[in-house]
């Protein structure tokens, strides 16, 4: 377990002396009265660090953060990790929250010191530590440190090639070309797959071109096989996700008329949030598609865009015409669409809000997902409509690690009204935002109330993971 006793009422003593036992009681008194500085002084003066378990050390980490003693918070977080390696994720989450108010130089030194300490633990997951440090550095704009830690924490089991590739892509998407270049150059040297190396070359070309370094840009362009239509299509998809609509559009224009080009054009409209244009393009592609796999693919895009447009009635007709098989491509999506259309067929007032939630889930638009859940229209929907839209919205928010907003969205409803699926997402959001005990209670209630539901099984696994 990674948890301390509630209400600061007790500690996990490891054979304390009589004097230390008295000091623990004093510290508990101070904490009960929110006198953090006094409690901190008692902890330090009487050497209570050695008597504490991991959960209590992390309580002390929060006190150090409140007192702006960030270096000590990092040291205690590492001490907690030494005592209970399974508490690493919670310790790092607390550090991230504490450091939000710290100066950049402090963040740099505390994260580096924690990383050096944590890396010495034999039970430490190097990839997990690397990812946390890299995300934290990125969040504070410490991009050189981000690249450095990805490079240094490189193991045979968890090589750094792909994290460097993704780091460079994120930097380019944000216009940080001077940071994209070193990340992608190191990734290029480490990657073996020709497709990945070609993508590195493309990012390097664009980054050098943006910086006006035409010779370097030309050198890397020669390594990007733009003559290959499949690669150009992959490059288009990357630019669409990265928000570079103009670059994606110019590449689409170079592709011959084909199903692939139609698909990319539909995606282009969707990532530009023009659902009507996407629906029009999907309709043309569907009408013109040849029978067979081409028509099946076009039908799926037609269904998607009808749903994203809020036209669930028309989508239902197409869904009913599909000769469904559990082994067919996109079977999970088709089943989910069939269920949604069936669940909302008698509730047209929910179609518009569901369309936004479904579109946001497909595109990863966190802002749109949150808007659909916080909309006044959401409050007036039927219980079934609320639960369905909530599940789509929560999945989107949690996928982007927007845990606090996910919690706020759920807490607008009574917990008793939540479906098994949404109870699970709520528990997951609680655990990942540091409220582990509250999250465990949600999981336990889910298991008791919905014992046969598939999300009950997931909740049991989550309880085992959070209870180690």
Protein backbone atom coordinates (compact mmCIF):
# COMPACT_ATOMS: atom_id res chain seq x y z
CA UNK A 1 0.00 0.00 0.00
CA UNK A 2 1.09 3.57 -0.73
CA UNK A 3 -1.32 5.23 1.67
CA UNK A 4 -0.82 6.95 5.01
CA UNK A 5 -3.32 6.92 7.87
CA UNK A 6 -6.27 9.24 7.39
CA UNK A 7 -6.59 12.72 8.86
CA UNK A 8 -2.89 12.75 9.71
CA UNK A 9 -3.83 10.65 12.71
CA UNK A 10 -1.04 8.12 12.71
CA UNK A 11 2.28 6.99 11.24
CA UNK A 12 3.94 3.75 10.27
CA UNK A 13 6.60 3.45 12.99
CA UNK A 14 9.65 1.30 12.53
CA UNK A 15 10.66 0.68 16.14
CA UNK A 16 10.69 4.32 17.28
CA UNK A 17 12.24 5.23 20.61
CA UNK A 18 10.04 6.40 23.47
CA UNK A 19 11.06 9.98 22.74
CA UNK A 20 10.22 9.57 19.07
CA UNK A 21 6.82 8.10 19.98
CA UNK A 22 6.06 11.22 22.00
CA UNK A 23 7.26 13.36 19.10
CA UNK A 24 4.97 11.49 16.70
CA UNK A 25 2.02 12.33 18.94
CA UNK A 26 3.05 16.00 18.95
CA UNK A 27 3.37 15.99 15.18
CA UNK A 28 -0.10 14.45 14.85
CA UNK A 29 -1.50 17.19 17.04
CA UNK A 30 0.08 19.91 14.91
CA UNK A 31 -1.14 18.31 11.71
CA UNK A 32 -4.69 18.00 13.05
CA UNK A 33 -4.62 21.77 13.60
CA UNK A 34 -3.08 22.48 10.21
CA UNK A 35 0.14 23.75 11.79
CA UNK A 36 2.40 22.36 9.08
CA UNK A 37 5.56 24.29 9.88
CA UNK A 38 5.48 23.12 13.51
CA UNK A 39 4.87 19.51 12.45
CA UNK A 40 7.73 19.72 9.97
CA UNK A 41 10.05 20.98 12.71
CA UNK A 42 9.13 18.04 14.93
CA UNK A 43 9.72 15.55 12.11
CA UNK A 44 13.16 17.00 11.51
CA UNK A 45 14.25 17.64 15.10
CA UNK A 46 13.49 14.14 16.35
CA UNK A 47 14.74 12.25 13.29
CA UNK A 48 11.34 10.74 12.51
CA UNK A 49 12.12 10.05 8.87
CA UNK A 50 13.44 6.60 9.71
CA UNK A 51 10.24 5.67 11.57
CA UNK A 52 7.92 6.47 8.68
CA UNK A 53 6.52 4.18 6.03
CA UNK A 54 6.21 5.20 2.39
CA UNK A 55 2.71 6.64 2.71
CA UNK A 56 3.68 8.85 5.64
CA UNK A 57 6.80 10.04 3.88
CA UNK A 58 4.60 11.18 1.01
CA UNK A 59 2.43 13.10 3.47
CA UNK A 60 5.62 14.84 4.49
CA UNK A 61 6.42 15.46 0.82
CA UNK A 62 3.18 17.45 0.56
CA UNK A 63 4.11 19.46 3.65
CA UNK A 64 7.52 20.30 2.17
CA UNK A 65 5.79 21.39 -1.03
CA UNK A 66 3.42 23.66 0.88
CA UNK A 67 6.41 25.17 2.67
CA UNK A 68 8.15 25.62 -0.72
CA UNK A 69 11.03 23.38 0.40
CA UNK A 70 11.17 21.68 -2.98
CA UNK A 71 14.58 20.05 -2.66
CA UNK A 72 13.55 18.32 0.55
CA UNK A 73 10.29 17.24 -1.09
CA UNK A 74 12.26 15.53 -3.85
CA UNK A 75 14.58 13.81 -1.37
CA UNK A 76 11.66 12.49 0.71
CA UNK A 77 9.83 11.32 -2.41
CA UNK A 78 12.86 9.27 -3.32
CA UNK A 79 13.07 7.90 0.23
CA UNK A 80 9.44 6.81 -0.08
CA UNK A 81 10.31 5.11 -3.36
CA UNK A 82 13.16 3.23 -1.66
CA UNK A 83 10.79 1.89 0.98
CA UNK A 84 8.01 0.95 -1.46
CA UNK A 85 8.90 0.89 -5.19
CA UNK A 86 5.21 0.42 -6.04
CA UNK A 87 4.61 3.96 -4.75
CA UNK A 88 6.77 5.51 -7.46
CA UNK A 89 3.86 6.71 -9.64
CA UNK A 90 2.14 8.45 -6.72
CA UNK A 91 5.40 10.01 -5.50
CA UNK A 92 6.08 11.40 -8.96
CA UNK A 93 2.54 12.71 -9.31
CA UNK A 94 2.89 14.57 -6.00
CA UNK A 95 6.21 16.02 -7.07
CA UNK A 96 4.70 17.23 -10.34
CA UNK A 97 1.87 18.95 -8.48
CA UNK A 98 4.24 20.53 -5.94
CA UNK A 99 6.65 21.83 -8.58
CA UNK A 100 3.92 23.76 -10.43
CA UNK A 101 4.67 26.75 -8.20
CA UNK A 102 8.45 26.40 -8.26
CA UNK A 103 10.95 28.44 -10.28
CA UNK A 104 12.44 26.88 -13.39
CA UNK A 105 15.91 26.43 -11.88
CA UNK A 106 14.34 24.68 -8.90
CA UNK A 107 12.35 22.36 -11.16
CA UNK A 108 15.49 21.53 -13.10
CA UNK A 109 17.52 20.65 -10.00
CA UNK A 110 14.77 18.79 -8.12
CA UNK A 111 13.73 16.60 -11.08
CA UNK A 112 17.38 15.81 -11.86
CA UNK A 113 18.14 14.94 -8.23
CA UNK A 114 15.04 12.75 -7.92
CA UNK A 115 15.87 11.00 -11.20
CA UNK A 116 19.44 10.28 -10.11
CA UNK A 117 18.22 8.90 -6.79
CA UNK A 118 15.37 6.85 -8.28
CA UNK A 119 17.55 5.38 -11.02
CA UNK A 120 19.69 3.71 -8.35
CA UNK A 121 16.77 1.53 -7.21
CA UNK A 122 16.96 -1.95 -8.65
CA UNK A 123 13.16 -2.27 -8.75
CA UNK A 124 12.72 0.99 -10.63
CA UNK A 125 11.10 0.87 -14.07
CA UNK A 126 13.60 2.87 -16.15
CA UNK A 127 11.15 3.58 -18.95
CA UNK A 128 8.51 4.83 -16.51
CA UNK A 129 11.02 7.10 -14.76
CA UNK A 130 12.32 8.39 -18.11
CA UNK A 131 8.82 9.15 -19.38
CA UNK A 132 7.88 11.05 -16.22
CA UNK A 133 11.06 13.12 -16.22
CA UNK A 134 10.69 13.88 -19.93
CA UNK A 135 7.03 14.92 -19.53
CA UNK A 136 7.88 17.12 -16.55
CA UNK A 137 10.75 18.83 -18.35
CA UNK A 138 8.53 19.37 -21.39
CA UNK A 139 5.73 20.85 -19.25
CA UNK A 140 8.14 23.47 -17.89
CA UNK A 141 9.73 24.25 -21.23
CA UNK A 142 13.02 22.52 -20.35
CA UNK A 143 13.37 20.93 -23.77
CA UNK A 144 17.13 20.39 -23.70
CA UNK A 145 16.76 18.50 -20.43
CA UNK A 146 13.90 16.49 -21.94
CA UNK A 147 16.06 15.32 -24.83
CA UNK A 148 18.99 14.67 -22.51
CA UNK A 149 17.06 12.41 -20.13
CA UNK A 150 15.48 10.44 -22.99
CA UNK A 151 18.96 9.84 -24.38
CA UNK A 152 20.61 8.91 -21.09
CA UNK A 153 17.92 6.55 -19.79
CA UNK A 154 18.35 4.19 -22.71
CA UNK A 155 18.23 0.46 -22.01
CA UNK A 156 18.18 -2.66 -24.14
CA UNK A 157 14.68 -3.49 -22.87
CA UNK A 158 13.41 0.06 -23.34
CA UNK A 159 15.46 1.82 -26.04
CA UNK A 160 15.17 5.56 -26.51
CA UNK A 161 14.79 5.62 -30.30
CA UNK A 162 11.01 5.91 -30.43
CA UNK A 163 10.70 8.34 -27.48
CA UNK A 164 13.21 10.57 -29.28
CA UNK A 165 11.19 10.32 -32.50
CA UNK A 166 7.98 11.28 -30.67
CA UNK A 167 9.77 14.07 -28.78
CA UNK A 168 10.98 15.59 -32.04
CA UNK A 169 7.53 15.32 -33.61
CA UNK A 170 5.94 17.09 -30.64
CA UNK A 171 8.58 19.83 -30.76
CA UNK A 172 7.99 20.36 -34.46
CA UNK A 173 4.22 20.47 -33.98
CA UNK A 174 4.76 23.29 -31.46
CA UNK A 175 7.11 25.17 -33.76
CA UNK A 176 10.18 24.41 -31.62
CA UNK A 177 12.40 23.51 -34.56
CA UNK A 178 15.73 23.97 -32.76
CA UNK A 179 14.67 21.22 -30.32
CA UNK A 180 13.05 19.00 -32.93
CA UNK A 181 16.32 18.76 -34.87
CA UNK A 182 18.62 17.17 -32.22
CA UNK A 183 15.88 14.77 -31.11
CA UNK A 184 15.16 13.61 -34.65
CA UNK A 185 18.84 13.34 -35.60
CA UNK A 186 19.50 11.05 -32.63
CA UNK A 187 16.34 9.09 -33.41
CA UNK A 188 17.43 8.69 -37.03
CA UNK A 189 20.73 7.12 -35.95
CA UNK A 190 18.97 4.70 -33.58
CA UNK A 191 15.97 3.61 -35.65
CA UNK A 192 16.21 0.64 -37.97
CA UNK A 193 12.85 0.69 -39.76
CA UNK A 194 12.92 2.51 -43.12
CA UNK A 195 9.47 4.05 -42.57
CA UNK A 196 10.48 5.54 -39.20
CA UNK A 197 13.77 6.80 -40.60
CA UNK A 198 11.92 8.39 -43.49
CA UNK A 199 9.56 10.15 -41.08
CA UNK A 200 12.58 11.45 -39.13
CA UNK A 201 14.01 12.77 -42.37
CA UNK A 202 10.74 14.53 -43.18
CA UNK A 203 10.59 16.23 -39.77
CA UNK A 204 14.23 17.28 -40.13
CA UNK A 205 13.60 18.66 -43.60
CA UNK A 206 10.65 20.75 -42.41
CA UNK A 207 12.50 21.96 -39.30
CA UNK A 208 15.60 23.05 -41.20
CA UNK A 209 13.42 24.68 -43.86
CA UNK A 210 11.56 26.69 -41.20
CA UNK A 211 14.88 27.89 -39.78
CA UNK A 212 16.01 29.00 -43.24
CA UNK A 213 18.82 26.44 -43.41
CA UNK A 214 18.18 25.46 -46.99
CA UNK A 215 21.27 23.26 -47.52
CA UNK A 216 20.45 21.07 -44.54
CA UNK A 217 16.79 21.04 -45.51
CA UNK A 218 17.64 19.83 -49.02
CA UNK A 219 19.96 17.14 -47.64
CA UNK A 220 17.20 15.67 -45.46
CA UNK A 221 14.53 16.04 -48.12
CA UNK A 222 16.61 13.71 -50.29
CA UNK A 223 16.27 11.07 -47.55
CA UNK A 224 12.49 11.39 -47.36
CA UNK A 225 11.06 9.12 -50.11
CA UNK A 226 8.31 11.45 -51.27
CA UNK A 227 8.03 9.51 -54.51
CA UNK A 228 6.49 6.71 -52.45
CA UNK A 229 2.73 7.31 -52.33
CA UNK A 230 2.25 5.24 -49.18
CA UNK A 231 4.85 7.30 -47.34
CA UNK A 232 3.33 10.53 -48.55
CA UNK A 233 0.00 9.34 -47.16
CA UNK A 234 1.67 8.58 -43.80
CA UNK A 235 3.24 12.04 -43.85
CA UNK A 236 -0.18 13.59 -44.51
CA UNK A 237 -1.67 11.75 -41.53
CA UNK A 238 1.21 13.00 -39.34
CA UNK A 239 0.76 16.60 -40.45
CA UNK A 240 -2.99 16.37 -39.83
CA UNK A 241 -2.48 15.15 -36.27
CA UNK A 242 0.21 17.78 -35.70
CA UNK A 243 -2.10 20.56 -36.84
CA UNK A 244 -0.14 21.47 -40.00
CA UNK A 245 -3.15 21.62 -42.29
CA UNK A 246 -1.42 23.50 -45.13
CA UNK A 247 1.43 20.96 -45.33
CA UNK A 248 -1.03 18.07 -45.31
CA UNK A 249 -3.14 19.72 -47.99
CA UNK A 250 -0.19 20.32 -50.30
CA UNK A 251 0.85 16.66 -50.04
CA UNK A 252 -2.70 15.43 -50.65
CA UNK A 253 -2.68 17.38 -53.93
CA UNK A 254 0.30 15.31 -55.13
CA UNK A 255 -1.53 12.00 -54.70
CA UNK A 256 -3.41 10.43 -57.62
CA UNK A 257 -7.15 9.99 -57.31
CA UNK A 258 -7.70 6.91 -55.18
CA UNK A 259 -9.51 5.63 -52.11
CA UNK A 260 -6.45 6.61 -50.06
CA UNK A 261 -6.67 10.21 -51.30
CA UNK A 262 -10.41 10.32 -50.60
CA UNK A 263 -9.80 9.09 -47.06
CA UNK A 264 -7.08 11.66 -46.41
CA UNK A 265 -9.32 14.43 -47.78
CA UNK A 266 -12.12 13.41 -45.43
CA UNK A 267 -9.66 13.35 -42.52
CA UNK A 268 -8.36 16.77 -43.58
CA UNK A 269 -11.83 18.25 -43.24
CA UNK A 270 -12.40 16.54 -39.90
CA UNK A 271 -9.13 17.71 -38.36
CA UNK A 272 -10.08 21.16 -39.62
CA UNK A 273 -13.35 20.68 -37.67
CA UNK A 274 -15.43 21.08 -40.83
CA UNK A 275 -17.79 18.14 -40.34
CA UNK A 276 -20.15 19.20 -43.15
CA UNK A 277 -17.33 19.20 -45.74
CA UNK A 278 -16.16 15.82 -44.46
CA UNK A 279 -19.68 14.40 -44.73
CA UNK A 280 -20.04 15.71 -48.29
CA UNK A 281 -16.70 14.17 -49.30
CA UNK A 282 -17.58 10.89 -47.61
CA UNK A 283 -20.90 10.76 -49.49
CA UNK A 284 -19.18 11.29 -52.86
CA UNK A 285 -16.58 8.64 -52.08
CA UNK A 286 -19.32 6.20 -51.03
CA UNK A 287 -21.39 6.76 -54.17
CA UNK A 288 -18.34 6.37 -56.43
CA UNK A 289 -16.79 3.38 -54.63
CA UNK A 290 -16.54 0.06 -56.41
CA UNK A 291 -18.19 -2.99 -54.79
CA UNK A 292 -16.07 -4.94 -52.33
CA UNK A 293 -13.51 -3.72 -49.83
CA UNK A 294 -13.39 -0.23 -51.38
CA UNK A 295 -17.13 0.25 -50.83
CA UNK A 296 -16.92 -1.17 -47.29
CA UNK A 297 -14.23 1.34 -46.37
CA UNK A 298 -16.18 4.19 -47.93
CA UNK A 299 -19.32 3.10 -46.07
CA UNK A 300 -17.51 3.29 -42.73
CA UNK A 301 -16.42 6.86 -43.43
CA UNK A 302 -19.97 7.71 -44.48
CA UNK A 303 -21.28 6.29 -41.18
CA UNK A 304 -18.63 8.15 -39.15
CA UNK A 305 -19.37 11.50 -40.73
CA UNK A 306 -23.14 11.02 -40.42
CA UNK A 307 -22.70 10.35 -36.70
CA UNK A 308 -20.33 13.31 -36.30
CA UNK A 309 -22.99 15.44 -38.06
CA UNK A 310 -25.64 14.30 -35.59
CA UNK A 311 -27.60 12.41 -38.27
CA UNK A 312 -28.00 9.15 -36.37
CA UNK A 313 -31.14 8.21 -38.27
CA UNK A 314 -29.30 7.98 -41.60
CA UNK A 315 -26.35 6.26 -39.93
CA UNK A 316 -28.67 3.58 -38.57
CA UNK A 317 -29.84 2.62 -42.05
CA UNK A 318 -26.28 2.01 -43.20
CA UNK A 319 -25.33 0.19 -40.01
CA UNK A 320 -28.32 -2.15 -40.43
CA UNK A 321 -27.15 -3.00 -43.96
CA UNK A 322 -23.71 -4.21 -42.86
CA UNK A 323 -23.20 -7.97 -42.92
CA UNK A 324 -21.53 -7.92 -39.52
CA UNK A 325 -18.87 -10.36 -38.33
CA UNK A 326 -16.89 -10.18 -35.08
CA UNK A 327 -13.70 -10.84 -37.05
CA UNK A 328 -14.21 -8.10 -39.64
CA UNK A 329 -12.05 -4.99 -39.74
CA UNK A 330 -13.34 -2.17 -37.48
CA UNK A 331 -15.76 -4.59 -35.80
CA UNK A 332 -15.42 -2.86 -32.41
CA UNK A 333 -16.24 0.55 -33.87
CA UNK A 334 -19.25 -0.80 -35.77
CA UNK A 335 -20.59 -2.49 -32.63
CA UNK A 336 -20.14 0.70 -30.62
CA UNK A 337 -21.95 2.70 -33.32
CA UNK A 338 -24.80 0.19 -33.46
CA UNK A 339 -25.24 0.37 -29.70
CA UNK A 340 -25.13 4.18 -29.62
CA UNK A 341 -27.63 4.58 -32.43
CA UNK A 342 -29.98 2.03 -30.82
CA UNK A 343 -29.65 3.64 -27.37
CA UNK A 344 -30.42 7.13 -28.66
CA UNK A 345 -32.97 6.36 -31.39
CA UNK A 346 -35.87 7.57 -29.21
CA UNK A 347 -33.96 10.58 -27.85
CA UNK A 348 -33.22 12.94 -30.79
CA UNK A 349 -32.47 15.77 -28.34
CA UNK A 350 -29.25 13.95 -27.43
CA UNK A 351 -28.01 13.48 -30.99
CA UNK A 352 -26.24 16.82 -31.27
CA UNK A 353 -24.31 16.47 -28.01
CA UNK A 354 -23.47 12.83 -28.76
CA UNK A 355 -22.15 13.88 -32.18
CA UNK A 356 -19.71 16.29 -30.51
CA UNK A 357 -18.58 13.67 -27.98
CA UNK A 358 -18.11 10.98 -30.64
CA UNK A 359 -16.21 13.37 -32.94
CA UNK A 360 -13.99 14.52 -30.05
CA UNK A 361 -13.23 10.90 -29.12
CA UNK A 362 -12.24 10.04 -32.70
CA UNK A 363 -10.05 13.11 -33.24
CA UNK A 364 -8.68 13.43 -29.71
CA UNK A 365 -10.13 16.94 -29.29
CA UNK A 366 -10.02 17.30 -25.51
CA UNK A 367 -11.51 20.79 -25.56
CA UNK A 368 -14.53 19.59 -27.53
CA UNK A 369 -15.04 16.59 -25.24
CA UNK A 370 -14.97 18.80 -22.15
CA UNK A 371 -17.34 21.33 -23.75
CA UNK A 372 -19.87 18.59 -24.53
CA UNK A 373 -19.81 17.36 -20.91
CA UNK A 374 -20.05 20.85 -19.39
CA UNK A 375 -22.75 22.10 -21.78
CA UNK A 376 -26.06 23.22 -20.22
CA UNK A 377 -27.74 21.04 -22.86
CA UNK A 378 -26.09 17.99 -21.27
CA UNK A 379 -28.02 18.58 -18.04
CA UNK A 380 -31.37 18.23 -19.80
CA UNK A 381 -30.66 14.94 -21.56
CA UNK A 382 -32.19 11.59 -20.73
CA UNK A 383 -30.28 9.36 -18.26
CA UNK A 384 -29.26 7.00 -21.06
CA UNK A 385 -28.06 9.88 -23.24
CA UNK A 386 -26.04 11.33 -20.37
CA UNK A 387 -24.30 8.03 -19.62
CA UNK A 388 -23.38 7.40 -23.24
CA UNK A 389 -22.04 10.90 -23.87
CA UNK A 390 -20.22 10.83 -20.54
CA UNK A 391 -18.42 7.59 -21.46
CA UNK A 392 -17.19 9.01 -24.77
CA UNK A 393 -16.10 12.25 -23.13
CA UNK A 394 -14.33 10.59 -20.21
CA UNK A 395 -12.39 8.25 -22.50
CA UNK A 396 -11.16 11.27 -24.46
CA UNK A 397 -10.13 13.22 -21.36
CA UNK A 398 -8.41 10.26 -19.71
CA UNK A 399 -6.55 9.35 -22.91
CA UNK A 400 -5.06 12.86 -22.81
CA UNK A 401 -4.39 12.51 -19.05
CA UNK A 402 -6.76 15.37 -18.23
CA UNK A 403 -7.75 13.70 -14.97
CA UNK A 404 -8.93 16.68 -12.92
CA UNK A 405 -11.31 17.85 -15.64
CA UNK A 406 -12.60 14.28 -16.01
CA UNK A 407 -13.37 14.22 -12.28
CA UNK A 408 -15.20 17.54 -12.47
CA UNK A 409 -17.34 16.30 -15.34
CA UNK A 410 -18.36 13.14 -13.47
CA UNK A 411 -19.01 14.96 -10.20
CA UNK A 412 -21.77 17.01 -11.83
CA UNK A 413 -23.85 13.81 -11.59
CA UNK A 414 -24.84 11.69 -8.65
CA UNK A 415 -22.56 8.67 -8.27
CA UNK A 416 -25.65 6.50 -7.86
CA UNK A 417 -26.68 7.42 -11.41
CA UNK A 418 -23.37 6.34 -12.97
CA UNK A 419 -23.12 3.29 -15.21
CA UNK A 420 -20.50 0.63 -14.51
CA UNK A 421 -18.31 1.99 -17.31
CA UNK A 422 -18.40 5.56 -16.05
CA UNK A 423 -17.78 4.47 -12.46
CA UNK A 424 -14.65 2.78 -13.72
CA UNK A 425 -13.47 5.90 -15.57
CA UNK A 426 -14.19 8.00 -12.47
CA UNK A 427 -12.14 5.66 -10.27
CA UNK A 428 -9.32 5.74 -12.82
CA UNK A 429 -9.35 9.55 -12.89
CA UNK A 430 -9.29 9.70 -9.08
CA UNK A 431 -6.37 7.30 -8.75
CA UNK A 432 -4.32 9.07 -11.43
CA UNK A 433 -4.92 12.47 -9.85
CA UNK A 434 -3.62 11.30 -6.47
CA UNK A 435 -6.92 10.46 -4.72
CA UNK A 436 -6.08 6.78 -4.41
CA UNK A 437 -8.23 5.92 -1.40
CA UNK A 438 -11.29 7.60 -2.90
CA UNK A 439 -10.60 5.88 -6.22
CA UNK A 440 -10.39 2.50 -4.48
CA UNK A 441 -13.78 3.11 -2.87
CA UNK A 442 -15.29 3.82 -6.28
CA UNK A 443 -13.80 0.59 -7.66
CA UNK A 444 -15.06 -1.39 -4.65
CA UNK A 445 -18.58 0.00 -5.08
CA UNK A 446 -18.45 -0.90 -8.78
CA UNK A 447 -17.48 -4.50 -8.01
CA UNK A 448 -20.29 -4.84 -5.46
CA UNK A 449 -23.01 -3.17 -7.52
CA UNK A 450 -22.14 -4.61 -10.97
CA UNK A 451 -20.39 -7.95 -10.23
CA UNK A 452 -21.01 -9.43 -13.69
CA UNK A 453 -20.11 -6.35 -15.74
CA UNK A 454 -16.89 -6.33 -17.80
CA UNK A 455 -15.85 -3.12 -16.02
CA UNK A 456 -16.17 -4.90 -12.70
CA UNK A 457 -13.34 -7.16 -13.82
CA UNK A 458 -11.26 -4.12 -14.77
CA UNK A 459 -12.02 -2.56 -11.39
CA UNK A 460 -10.76 -5.70 -9.61
CA UNK A 461 -7.50 -5.47 -11.54
CA UNK A 462 -7.23 -1.77 -10.67
CA UNK A 463 -7.77 -2.58 -6.98
CA UNK A 464 -4.98 -5.12 -7.06
CA UNK A 465 -2.67 -2.61 -8.77
CA UNK A 466 -3.43 0.23 -6.34
CA UNK A 467 -3.28 -2.02 -3.30
CA UNK A 468 0.28 -3.39 -3.77
